[in-house]
């Protein structure tokens, strides 16, 4: 992990931990008010806290995702690439996806501003 990633390790870890606990309010505290969040489950982006909240609430009525960061590195342009173990189950416990993906964050005002997904 390089220096930029170390600087934001706590912020990113807090966001993932709160997401996995379904604590939306805590996650939103890590997000910029004008956040642009990739909606992997629906496509396109959610913009702002209200859209992100609504997206996750819809998602959690259909699937049970758990996302665990395993590595973080800084990219050019001040972005941080987070490698995550992702486990997505349906509400009956059937595994729909299990594997590693990459989340790429743009930081603004010391908050997560843009989240993109790379496979």
N, C-alpha and C. Protein backbone atom coordinates (compact mmCIF):
# COMPACT_ATOMS: atom_id res chain seq x y z
N UNK A 1 0.86 -1.18 0.00
CA UNK A 1 0.00 0.00 0.00
C UNK A 1 0.90 1.23 0.00
N UNK A 2 0.63 2.17 -0.90
CA UNK A 2 1.46 3.37 -0.96
C UNK A 2 0.89 4.48 -0.07
N UNK A 3 1.57 5.61 -0.05
CA UNK A 3 1.25 6.68 0.90
C UNK A 3 -0.17 7.23 0.75
N UNK A 4 -0.60 7.50 -0.48
CA UNK A 4 -1.96 8.04 -0.68
C UNK A 4 -3.00 7.05 -0.17
N UNK A 5 -2.82 5.79 -0.51
CA UNK A 5 -3.76 4.77 -0.04
C UNK A 5 -3.75 4.70 1.48
N UNK A 6 -2.59 4.79 2.11
CA UNK A 6 -2.51 4.76 3.57
C UNK A 6 -3.28 5.92 4.18
N UNK A 7 -3.20 7.09 3.54
CA UNK A 7 -3.90 8.27 4.05
C UNK A 7 -5.41 8.07 4.12
N UNK A 8 -5.95 7.27 3.23
CA UNK A 8 -7.40 7.08 3.16
C UNK A 8 -7.84 5.68 3.57
N UNK A 9 -6.94 4.91 4.14
CA UNK A 9 -7.26 3.54 4.55
C UNK A 9 -8.41 3.52 5.56
N UNK A 10 -8.38 4.40 6.56
CA UNK A 10 -9.43 4.41 7.58
C UNK A 10 -10.79 4.78 6.95
N UNK A 11 -10.80 5.80 6.12
CA UNK A 11 -12.04 6.22 5.45
C UNK A 11 -12.64 5.06 4.65
N UNK A 12 -11.82 4.41 3.86
CA UNK A 12 -12.29 3.33 3.00
C UNK A 12 -12.71 2.12 3.83
N UNK A 13 -11.94 1.77 4.83
CA UNK A 13 -12.29 0.64 5.70
C UNK A 13 -13.61 0.90 6.42
N UNK A 14 -13.80 2.13 6.89
CA UNK A 14 -15.06 2.49 7.54
C UNK A 14 -16.23 2.33 6.60
N UNK A 15 -16.07 2.77 5.36
CA UNK A 15 -17.16 2.66 4.38
C UNK A 15 -17.54 1.20 4.14
N UNK A 16 -16.55 0.34 3.93
CA UNK A 16 -16.86 -1.07 3.66
C UNK A 16 -17.47 -1.76 4.88
N UNK A 17 -16.92 -1.49 6.04
CA UNK A 17 -17.44 -2.10 7.26
C UNK A 17 -18.90 -1.71 7.49
N UNK A 18 -19.20 -0.44 7.32
CA UNK A 18 -20.57 0.04 7.50
C UNK A 18 -21.50 -0.52 6.43
N UNK A 19 -21.02 -0.61 5.18
CA UNK A 19 -21.83 -1.19 4.11
C UNK A 19 -22.19 -2.64 4.46
N UNK A 20 -21.21 -3.41 4.87
CA UNK A 20 -21.46 -4.82 5.20
C UNK A 20 -22.39 -4.98 6.39
N UNK A 21 -22.42 -3.99 7.28
CA UNK A 21 -23.32 -4.00 8.43
C UNK A 21 -24.68 -3.39 8.09
N UNK A 22 -24.83 -2.92 6.85
CA UNK A 22 -26.06 -2.27 6.36
C UNK A 22 -26.36 -1.00 7.14
N UNK A 23 -25.29 -0.30 7.54
CA UNK A 23 -25.41 0.96 8.27
C UNK A 23 -25.22 2.10 7.26
N UNK A 24 -26.29 2.43 6.56
CA UNK A 24 -26.22 3.41 5.48
C UNK A 24 -25.76 4.77 5.99
N UNK A 25 -26.27 5.20 7.13
CA UNK A 25 -25.92 6.53 7.63
C UNK A 25 -24.41 6.68 7.84
N UNK A 26 -23.77 5.63 8.36
CA UNK A 26 -22.32 5.70 8.55
C UNK A 26 -21.58 5.72 7.22
N UNK A 27 -22.03 4.90 6.26
CA UNK A 27 -21.39 4.93 4.94
C UNK A 27 -21.53 6.31 4.33
N UNK A 28 -22.70 6.89 4.41
CA UNK A 28 -22.92 8.20 3.79
C UNK A 28 -22.01 9.27 4.38
N UNK A 29 -21.58 9.12 5.62
CA UNK A 29 -20.65 10.07 6.22
C UNK A 29 -19.28 10.01 5.55
N UNK A 30 -18.97 8.92 4.85
CA UNK A 30 -17.69 8.79 4.15
C UNK A 30 -17.79 9.27 2.70
N UNK A 31 -19.00 9.58 2.25
CA UNK A 31 -19.23 9.96 0.86
C UNK A 31 -19.43 11.47 0.73
N UNK A 32 -18.88 12.02 -0.32
CA UNK A 32 -19.08 13.44 -0.65
C UNK A 32 -20.58 13.66 -0.90
N UNK A 33 -21.13 14.81 -0.52
CA UNK A 33 -22.55 15.06 -0.77
C UNK A 33 -22.96 14.93 -2.24
N UNK A 34 -22.03 15.20 -3.15
CA UNK A 34 -22.32 15.10 -4.58
C UNK A 34 -21.71 13.83 -5.17
N UNK A 35 -21.67 12.77 -4.39
CA UNK A 35 -21.06 11.50 -4.79
C UNK A 35 -21.67 10.99 -6.11
N UNK A 36 -20.84 10.32 -6.87
CA UNK A 36 -21.25 9.63 -8.10
C UNK A 36 -20.84 8.17 -7.90
N UNK A 37 -21.82 7.30 -7.64
CA UNK A 37 -21.57 5.92 -7.22
C UNK A 37 -22.03 4.95 -8.30
N UNK A 38 -21.14 4.10 -8.76
CA UNK A 38 -21.49 3.11 -9.78
C UNK A 38 -22.55 2.15 -9.24
N UNK A 39 -23.61 1.99 -10.01
CA UNK A 39 -24.68 1.05 -9.63
C UNK A 39 -24.45 -0.26 -10.40
N UNK A 40 -23.56 -1.08 -9.89
CA UNK A 40 -23.21 -2.33 -10.56
C UNK A 40 -24.43 -3.22 -10.75
N UNK A 41 -25.30 -3.21 -9.82
CA UNK A 41 -26.46 -4.09 -9.83
C UNK A 41 -27.52 -3.61 -10.83
N UNK A 42 -27.59 -2.31 -11.11
CA UNK A 42 -28.61 -1.75 -12.00
C UNK A 42 -28.02 -1.08 -13.24
N UNK A 43 -26.77 -0.72 -13.19
CA UNK A 43 -26.16 0.04 -14.28
C UNK A 43 -26.22 1.53 -14.00
N UNK A 44 -25.39 2.29 -14.70
CA UNK A 44 -25.31 3.74 -14.59
C UNK A 44 -24.79 4.14 -13.20
N UNK A 45 -25.13 5.31 -12.74
CA UNK A 45 -24.62 5.84 -11.47
C UNK A 45 -25.77 6.38 -10.62
N UNK A 46 -25.56 6.30 -9.32
CA UNK A 46 -26.41 7.02 -8.37
C UNK A 46 -25.67 8.31 -8.03
N UNK A 47 -26.41 9.41 -7.98
CA UNK A 47 -25.81 10.73 -7.72
C UNK A 47 -26.36 11.28 -6.41
N UNK A 48 -25.46 11.61 -5.50
CA UNK A 48 -25.87 12.20 -4.23
C UNK A 48 -26.31 11.17 -3.21
N UNK A 49 -26.36 11.58 -1.97
CA UNK A 49 -26.68 10.67 -0.87
C UNK A 49 -28.05 10.02 -1.02
N UNK A 50 -29.07 10.77 -1.42
CA UNK A 50 -30.41 10.20 -1.49
C UNK A 50 -30.50 9.09 -2.52
N UNK A 51 -29.88 9.28 -3.69
CA UNK A 51 -29.92 8.24 -4.72
C UNK A 51 -29.10 7.01 -4.29
N UNK A 52 -27.97 7.23 -3.64
CA UNK A 52 -27.16 6.10 -3.17
C UNK A 52 -27.95 5.30 -2.14
N UNK A 53 -28.57 5.99 -1.19
CA UNK A 53 -29.38 5.31 -0.17
C UNK A 53 -30.49 4.49 -0.84
N UNK A 54 -31.21 5.09 -1.75
CA UNK A 54 -32.32 4.38 -2.42
C UNK A 54 -31.81 3.17 -3.21
N UNK A 55 -30.67 3.32 -3.88
CA UNK A 55 -30.07 2.22 -4.62
C UNK A 55 -29.75 1.05 -3.69
N UNK A 56 -29.07 1.32 -2.58
CA UNK A 56 -28.72 0.23 -1.66
C UNK A 56 -29.96 -0.40 -1.05
N UNK A 57 -30.95 0.40 -0.71
CA UNK A 57 -32.18 -0.17 -0.14
C UNK A 57 -32.87 -1.11 -1.14
N UNK A 58 -32.90 -0.73 -2.41
CA UNK A 58 -33.46 -1.62 -3.44
C UNK A 58 -32.62 -2.88 -3.57
N UNK A 59 -31.30 -2.70 -3.63
CA UNK A 59 -30.38 -3.82 -3.79
C UNK A 59 -30.55 -4.84 -2.66
N UNK A 60 -30.60 -4.38 -1.43
CA UNK A 60 -30.64 -5.27 -0.28
C UNK A 60 -31.98 -5.99 -0.13
N UNK A 61 -32.99 -5.56 -0.86
CA UNK A 61 -34.25 -6.31 -0.89
C UNK A 61 -34.16 -7.51 -1.83
N UNK A 62 -33.11 -7.55 -2.66
CA UNK A 62 -32.95 -8.61 -3.67
C UNK A 62 -31.73 -9.50 -3.41
N UNK A 63 -30.64 -8.91 -2.95
CA UNK A 63 -29.39 -9.65 -2.77
C UNK A 63 -28.72 -9.26 -1.46
N UNK A 64 -27.78 -10.11 -1.05
CA UNK A 64 -27.03 -9.89 0.18
C UNK A 64 -25.54 -9.84 -0.16
N UNK A 65 -25.02 -8.65 -0.49
CA UNK A 65 -23.60 -8.54 -0.81
C UNK A 65 -22.73 -8.31 0.43
N UNK A 66 -21.56 -8.91 0.43
CA UNK A 66 -20.52 -8.65 1.42
C UNK A 66 -19.25 -8.33 0.64
N UNK A 67 -18.65 -7.21 0.95
CA UNK A 67 -17.49 -6.74 0.19
C UNK A 67 -16.36 -6.41 1.17
N UNK A 68 -15.22 -7.09 0.98
CA UNK A 68 -14.11 -6.95 1.92
C UNK A 68 -12.86 -6.47 1.19
N UNK A 69 -12.35 -5.29 1.55
CA UNK A 69 -11.11 -4.82 0.90
C UNK A 69 -9.92 -5.68 1.30
N UNK A 70 -9.08 -6.01 0.30
CA UNK A 70 -7.88 -6.81 0.58
C UNK A 70 -6.60 -6.08 0.21
N UNK A 71 -6.70 -5.02 -0.62
CA UNK A 71 -5.52 -4.26 -1.01
C UNK A 71 -5.95 -2.90 -1.56
N UNK A 72 -5.13 -1.89 -1.33
CA UNK A 72 -5.39 -0.55 -1.85
C UNK A 72 -4.11 0.01 -2.43
N UNK A 73 -4.22 0.62 -3.61
CA UNK A 73 -3.06 1.29 -4.21
C UNK A 73 -3.52 2.60 -4.85
N UNK A 74 -2.64 3.56 -4.86
CA UNK A 74 -2.93 4.84 -5.51
C UNK A 74 -2.65 4.72 -7.00
N UNK A 75 -3.50 5.35 -7.78
CA UNK A 75 -3.34 5.44 -9.23
C UNK A 75 -3.01 6.88 -9.61
N UNK A 76 -2.67 7.08 -10.86
CA UNK A 76 -2.43 8.44 -11.34
C UNK A 76 -3.69 9.27 -11.16
N UNK A 77 -3.50 10.55 -10.97
CA UNK A 77 -4.63 11.46 -10.82
C UNK A 77 -5.25 11.43 -9.44
N UNK A 78 -4.56 10.85 -8.47
CA UNK A 78 -5.06 10.86 -7.11
C UNK A 78 -6.17 9.87 -6.83
N UNK A 79 -6.36 8.90 -7.69
CA UNK A 79 -7.40 7.90 -7.47
C UNK A 79 -6.83 6.74 -6.66
N UNK A 80 -7.73 6.04 -5.99
CA UNK A 80 -7.33 4.87 -5.21
C UNK A 80 -8.08 3.66 -5.72
N UNK A 81 -7.31 2.61 -6.03
CA UNK A 81 -7.88 1.35 -6.52
C UNK A 81 -7.90 0.38 -5.35
N UNK A 82 -9.11 -0.12 -5.05
CA UNK A 82 -9.29 -1.03 -3.94
C UNK A 82 -9.66 -2.41 -4.50
N UNK A 83 -8.83 -3.39 -4.22
CA UNK A 83 -9.14 -4.77 -4.59
C UNK A 83 -10.02 -5.35 -3.49
N UNK A 84 -11.16 -5.92 -3.87
CA UNK A 84 -12.10 -6.44 -2.87
C UNK A 84 -12.48 -7.88 -3.18
N UNK A 85 -12.68 -8.64 -2.10
CA UNK A 85 -13.35 -9.93 -2.20
C UNK A 85 -14.83 -9.64 -2.11
N UNK A 86 -15.57 -10.12 -3.09
CA UNK A 86 -17.01 -9.83 -3.13
C UNK A 86 -17.77 -11.15 -3.13
N UNK A 87 -18.73 -11.25 -2.23
CA UNK A 87 -19.60 -12.40 -2.13
C UNK A 87 -21.03 -11.88 -2.18
N UNK A 88 -21.76 -12.30 -3.21
CA UNK A 88 -23.15 -11.87 -3.37
C UNK A 88 -24.04 -13.10 -3.34
N UNK A 89 -24.98 -13.10 -2.40
CA UNK A 89 -25.94 -14.20 -2.27
C UNK A 89 -27.35 -13.66 -2.50
N UNK A 90 -28.24 -14.54 -2.94
CA UNK A 90 -29.64 -14.14 -2.95
C UNK A 90 -30.14 -14.25 -1.51
N UNK A 91 -31.37 -13.87 -1.28
CA UNK A 91 -31.87 -13.81 0.10
C UNK A 91 -32.11 -15.19 0.71
N UNK A 92 -32.03 -16.23 -0.13
CA UNK A 92 -32.13 -17.60 0.37
C UNK A 92 -30.75 -18.19 0.67
N UNK A 93 -29.68 -17.44 0.38
CA UNK A 93 -28.34 -17.88 0.68
C UNK A 93 -27.58 -18.51 -0.47
N UNK A 94 -28.19 -18.56 -1.66
CA UNK A 94 -27.51 -19.10 -2.83
C UNK A 94 -26.49 -18.11 -3.34
N UNK A 95 -25.26 -18.58 -3.57
CA UNK A 95 -24.20 -17.69 -4.06
C UNK A 95 -24.46 -17.33 -5.52
N UNK A 96 -24.53 -16.04 -5.79
CA UNK A 96 -24.72 -15.52 -7.15
C UNK A 96 -23.40 -15.11 -7.77
N UNK A 97 -22.48 -14.62 -6.94
CA UNK A 97 -21.16 -14.22 -7.40
C UNK A 97 -20.19 -14.32 -6.24
N UNK A 98 -19.02 -14.83 -6.54
CA UNK A 98 -17.94 -14.86 -5.56
C UNK A 98 -16.64 -14.64 -6.31
N UNK A 99 -15.92 -13.59 -5.96
CA UNK A 99 -14.66 -13.32 -6.63
C UNK A 99 -14.11 -11.97 -6.27
N UNK A 100 -13.04 -11.61 -6.95
CA UNK A 100 -12.38 -10.33 -6.72
C UNK A 100 -12.77 -9.35 -7.81
N UNK A 101 -13.00 -8.13 -7.38
CA UNK A 101 -13.23 -7.02 -8.30
C UNK A 101 -12.44 -5.83 -7.77
N UNK A 102 -12.40 -4.78 -8.56
CA UNK A 102 -11.68 -3.57 -8.18
C UNK A 102 -12.63 -2.39 -8.16
N UNK A 103 -12.59 -1.64 -7.08
CA UNK A 103 -13.33 -0.39 -6.97
C UNK A 103 -12.31 0.74 -7.05
N UNK A 104 -12.59 1.71 -7.90
CA UNK A 104 -11.67 2.83 -8.07
C UNK A 104 -12.37 4.09 -7.56
N UNK A 105 -11.72 4.74 -6.60
CA UNK A 105 -12.30 5.92 -5.96
C UNK A 105 -11.54 7.19 -6.35
N UNK A 106 -12.31 8.23 -6.56
CA UNK A 106 -11.78 9.58 -6.64
C UNK A 106 -12.14 10.24 -5.31
N UNK A 107 -11.17 10.88 -4.70
CA UNK A 107 -11.36 11.53 -3.40
C UNK A 107 -11.49 13.04 -3.64
N UNK A 108 -12.46 13.64 -2.98
CA UNK A 108 -12.58 15.10 -3.00
C UNK A 108 -12.99 15.56 -1.61
N UNK A 109 -12.35 16.58 -1.11
CA UNK A 109 -12.62 17.11 0.23
C UNK A 109 -12.50 16.01 1.29
N UNK A 110 -11.53 15.11 1.11
CA UNK A 110 -11.28 14.00 2.03
C UNK A 110 -12.46 13.04 2.18
N UNK A 111 -13.31 12.97 1.15
CA UNK A 111 -14.45 12.06 1.12
C UNK A 111 -14.44 11.30 -0.21
N UNK A 112 -15.13 10.18 -0.24
CA UNK A 112 -15.25 9.40 -1.47
C UNK A 112 -16.22 10.13 -2.40
N UNK A 113 -15.71 10.53 -3.55
CA UNK A 113 -16.47 11.38 -4.47
C UNK A 113 -17.02 10.59 -5.66
N UNK A 114 -16.20 9.76 -6.28
CA UNK A 114 -16.64 8.92 -7.40
C UNK A 114 -16.18 7.49 -7.12
N UNK A 115 -17.08 6.54 -7.36
CA UNK A 115 -16.73 5.13 -7.25
C UNK A 115 -17.05 4.46 -8.58
N UNK A 116 -16.02 3.87 -9.19
CA UNK A 116 -16.17 3.10 -10.42
C UNK A 116 -15.77 1.66 -10.13
N UNK A 117 -16.22 0.76 -10.98
CA UNK A 117 -15.93 -0.67 -10.81
C UNK A 117 -15.14 -1.16 -12.00
N UNK A 118 -14.08 -1.93 -11.71
CA UNK A 118 -13.28 -2.60 -12.74
C UNK A 118 -13.31 -4.09 -12.40
N UNK A 119 -13.35 -4.92 -13.43
CA UNK A 119 -13.32 -6.37 -13.17
C UNK A 119 -11.98 -6.93 -13.56
